[in-house]
Amino acid sequence: MIGEDFRKMTPAQLDEVLPRLQVLARSSPEDKHILVQRLNGGLMPQNEAQWLEEHPGKNYMKHRDLLLPGYYEEWAASRGGVGEVVGVTGDGTNDGPALKAADVGLSMGISGTDVAKNASDIIIMDDNFSSIVKYVSVRFVKAVLWGRSVFDNIRKFLQFQLTVNVVALTITFLSAVAGYKPPLNAVMMLWVNLIMDTMGALALGTEPPADTLLDRRPYKRDASLINWPMWRNIMIQATYQLGLLLFLLKQGPAVFDCEDGSTHHFTLLFNAFVFCQIFNEFNAREIGDTFNPFRNLSTSPMFLAVIIFTVIAQWFIVEYGGDFTQTAPLTFDEWKITSLLGAVSIPVGYLMRQFPIEEDPDSFAGICDDVPVKKSKTGSFLKITLFLLPVVAAGAYQLYEASIANA
């Protein structure tokens, strides 16, 4: 497109062209500024006074939807208030407004004017664009790779943390409803919280980046931290863990030959719960449909150190906690059974990924095809349903047990 045709367009017409616009020829610095404004909303007129300042002599109500760059209220409504991330290069005084409006502005250190340098974020000291290709681009790729890795690591931690939260809160609530004292006392909950927060953050937050992250389209600025595959993983793992803990709560005394509601009984439940989290930490290393929980463990020494520390600390708490933690020592067979019950979280992680769920296409930036994706109106309802799934399953189990007892 040439600048003359660009300047004749309305904001709505330009929005239709922007996803496919690659070259704007014979353009002025003002055209560059308008293009940046329309892409990211930077320095967009916020009110009538600012609009009239850019368009002196024009009628605001009559021309606001006809003249570029438009106005902020219209721009925000057209894209949900979230724009693109824009980088701009320039060296002249007239490039200052575009550099300032951009998310990242690059100017020349030798030939660039003081105005351009002051308006930019990065100054290329030798004026050599090959510096961008050879130096900046390599570091840019690394920055993108690590940025995406940090984002995914936060998601992994949230996936792990929310699973623990759902299970711990639900089992405590249901045990109270069933007439038991809380199976997880305050000290146990503090230890679980330490596993969930500090240990989980260290293990999952320090995962190194994988090059495959660069194959993924970038997320929008307002993309949700918790996507559909994460909801699936959280709810299915929570449902398994709740089912296991409710079984141990009801049938544990008969299976392990211990007194119902005793310290020994609740220690078995506590140990199984902690080992569920330990093995689910491996599952949490993957967010999507890929199942490879032991991938590149040699490159994640912090993850291995956290797992080893958690297992050793759990052994000390159970065997030597005594009255302080209200735990009782377990036999070798009891340790083996409760740890194996926790290890079932690994095959559960494989099975749940046999039901693939795609991420919401609207969470990604850029244009993948010409047909706009319609947002699902049932998304909130499905999220609530998934969230209530383990609670409903646990409640149904309680009702089933109550009916048997009454019979």
Foldseek 3Di string as FASTA:
>chain_A
DEQVVLQQAFQVVVVLCVLPDDDYHPHDLVSLLLNLCLAFVFPFAADDVSVCVVVPPDDCVVCQRRGPPHHQVVSCVVQVNFGDQDEEEDAELSNLSNQQRHNAYEYEQPRHDPSSVVSGDYYDDVRDCVCCVPPVVVVVLVVVQVVLLQLLLVLLLVLLLLLLVLQQVLQQVVCVVVPAHRLADPVLVVLVVCCSPVLLCQQSNPDDGDPCSVVDFAFTPPFDSQWDLSLLLSLLLSLLLNVVLVCLLPCVCVVVVDDRNAQASSQLSSLLSLLLSLLVSLLSNDRFLDQDSCPPVVRRVSNVVSSVVSVVVSQCCQDPVPPVRSHHHDDPVSNVVSNVSSNVSNVSSNVSSVPGDDTDPNRGDGDDDDDDDDDDPCVVVVSVVSSCVSSVSSVVVVVVVVVVVVD
